[in-house]
Amino acid sequence: LRKMRDAGVAPNERTCAAVLECCLKAGRPSSAMGLVEEMRASGVREDVVTSTLLLRCHLAAGEPAQASRLLDEMEASAVDGAVSAVDGQRGKRSRRSTAPNLVTYNAALAGFAKLGAWGEALD
C-alpha cells in the first residue's frame, strides 16, 4: 500500500479491502486498525465491504465491544440513508453505503459466537 502511494497510485476502497483481508489471513487483525486510520486520512471512504472487514478484524482481535459499536454505527448509517432518500430511491443503497448486509451479519454472528459473546450475537 505504501509503495502504491509512493508511486503516485492512490488506493481506493477495493485496495484497502484487499489489505484488510491480508491482515486477517496473516493473523494480524490489529494491524488493520492502523490501516483504516491511514485510509481515512488519505480520503478513502469506507463502504460496506471495508466496514465488514474491519468488524471481522475487531472480532479476530478479541474486541467484541468495538465490533458491536461498529455494527451499531453501520446500522445507524442504514437508517440515515433511508431517511435521506428522495424521489422513489428509498431503500436503494449507494455503492459507498456502510449499511450492513447479510455478509456483515453472518460475520458478526460467527465472530461473536467464537468469542462466546452470546449477548452481542443475539442482540
Protein backbone atom coordinates (compact mmCIF):
# COMPACT_ATOMS: atom_id res chain seq x y z
CA LEU A 1 0.00 0.00 0.00
CA ARG A 2 2.80 2.40 0.87
CA LYS A 3 4.65 1.52 -2.34
CA MET A 4 1.48 2.31 -4.27
CA ARG A 5 1.27 5.74 -2.70
CA ASP A 6 4.99 6.35 -3.24
CA ALA A 7 4.46 5.54 -6.93
CA GLY A 8 1.62 8.07 -7.10
CA VAL A 9 -1.13 5.45 -7.29
CA ALA A 10 -3.95 6.34 -4.94
CA PRO A 11 -5.54 3.46 -3.02
CA ASN A 12 -9.30 3.02 -3.19
CA GLU A 13 -11.88 1.03 -1.26
CA ARG A 14 -11.04 -2.22 -3.08
CA THR A 15 -7.32 -1.85 -2.42
CA CYS A 16 -7.95 -1.22 1.25
CA ALA A 17 -10.35 -4.16 1.44
CA ALA A 18 -7.67 -6.43 -0.03
CA VAL A 19 -5.12 -5.26 2.53
CA LEU A 20 -7.62 -5.70 5.39
CA GLU A 21 -8.24 -9.26 4.20
CA CYS A 22 -4.46 -9.85 4.18
CA CYS A 23 -4.26 -8.63 7.80
CA LEU A 24 -6.92 -11.13 8.77
CA LYS A 25 -5.32 -14.04 6.92
CA ALA A 26 -1.89 -13.20 8.36
CA GLY A 27 -3.33 -13.32 11.89
CA ARG A 28 -2.63 -9.61 12.43
CA PRO A 29 -6.07 -8.05 12.83
CA SER A 30 -4.76 -5.20 14.98
CA SER A 31 -2.59 -4.07 12.05
CA ALA A 32 -5.81 -3.43 10.18
CA MET A 33 -6.84 -0.72 12.65
CA GLY A 34 -3.83 1.39 11.66
CA LEU A 35 -4.59 0.79 8.01
CA VAL A 36 -8.14 2.06 8.45
CA GLU A 37 -6.79 5.24 10.04
CA GLU A 38 -4.40 5.70 7.09
CA MET A 39 -7.25 5.02 4.70
CA ARG A 40 -9.44 7.67 6.31
CA ALA A 41 -6.57 10.18 6.42
CA SER A 42 -5.93 9.72 2.69
CA GLY A 43 -9.58 10.40 1.89
CA VAL A 44 -10.68 6.85 1.06
CA ARG A 45 -14.27 6.44 2.18
CA GLU A 46 -15.43 3.29 3.86
CA ASP A 47 -18.09 1.11 2.30
CA VAL A 48 -19.90 -2.00 3.49
CA VAL A 49 -17.02 -4.25 2.39
CA THR A 50 -14.30 -2.36 4.27
CA SER A 51 -16.56 -1.85 7.28
CA THR A 52 -17.42 -5.57 7.40
CA LEU A 53 -13.73 -6.46 7.18
CA LEU A 54 -12.97 -4.04 10.00
CA LEU A 55 -15.75 -5.70 12.04
CA ARG A 56 -14.10 -9.07 11.41
CA CYS A 57 -10.73 -7.63 12.48
CA HIS A 58 -12.17 -6.39 15.78
CA LEU A 59 -13.67 -9.81 16.41
CA ALA A 60 -10.47 -11.64 15.44
CA ALA A 61 -8.55 -9.37 17.84
CA GLY A 62 -10.96 -10.34 20.64
CA GLU A 63 -12.64 -6.92 20.77
CA PRO A 64 -16.38 -7.62 20.87
CA ALA A 65 -17.26 -4.20 22.31
CA GLN A 66 -15.56 -2.38 19.42
CA ALA A 67 -17.20 -4.74 16.93
CA SER A 68 -20.60 -4.14 18.47
CA ARG A 69 -20.08 -0.37 18.38
CA LEU A 70 -19.06 -0.54 14.69
CA LEU A 71 -22.11 -2.64 13.85
CA ASP A 72 -24.32 -0.08 15.62
CA GLU A 73 -22.69 2.70 13.54
CA MET A 74 -23.28 0.72 10.35
CA GLU A 75 -26.94 0.18 11.27
CA ALA A 76 -27.33 3.89 12.04
CA SER A 77 -25.96 4.72 8.57
CA ALA A 78 -28.68 2.50 7.07
CA VAL A 79 -31.35 4.48 8.92
CA ASP A 80 -29.77 7.80 7.89
CA GLY A 81 -29.66 6.63 4.27
CA ALA A 82 -33.32 5.59 4.33
CA VAL A 83 -34.38 8.90 5.85
CA SER A 84 -32.42 10.95 3.30
CA ALA A 85 -33.69 9.00 0.29
CA VAL A 86 -35.77 11.04 -2.16
CA ASP A 87 -37.98 10.57 -5.27
CA GLY A 88 -38.58 6.83 -5.20
CA GLN A 89 -34.99 5.97 -4.39
CA ARG A 90 -35.97 4.86 -0.90
CA GLY A 91 -34.27 1.62 0.02
CA LYS A 92 -31.71 1.88 -2.77
CA ARG A 93 -28.19 1.88 -1.36
CA SER A 94 -25.32 3.84 -2.78
CA ARG A 95 -22.16 1.97 -3.69
CA ARG A 96 -20.43 3.66 -0.75
CA SER A 97 -23.05 2.72 1.81
CA THR A 98 -21.83 1.24 5.07
CA ALA A 99 -25.26 -0.21 5.83
CA PRO A 100 -24.79 -3.82 6.96
CA ASN A 101 -25.78 -6.63 4.66
CA LEU A 102 -26.14 -10.39 5.01
CA VAL A 103 -22.35 -10.90 4.87
CA THR A 104 -21.92 -8.36 7.67
CA TYR A 105 -24.47 -10.05 9.93
CA ASN A 106 -23.06 -13.53 9.22
CA ALA A 107 -19.54 -12.31 10.07
CA ALA A 108 -20.83 -10.68 13.26
CA LEU A 109 -22.74 -13.78 14.38
CA ALA A 110 -19.81 -16.10 13.72
CA GLY A 111 -17.29 -13.80 15.37
CA PHE A 112 -19.35 -13.08 18.48
CA ALA A 113 -20.15 -16.79 18.85
CA LYS A 114 -16.48 -17.74 18.56
CA LEU A 115 -15.67 -15.29 21.35
CA GLY A 116 -18.54 -16.60 23.48
CA ALA A 117 -20.11 -13.12 23.35
CA TRP A 118 -23.62 -14.54 23.20
CA GLY A 119 -25.33 -11.32 24.26
CA GLU A 120 -23.87 -9.45 21.29
CA ALA A 121 -24.55 -12.37 18.95
CA LEU A 122 -28.22 -12.49 19.91
CA ASP A 123 -28.70 -8.71 20.09
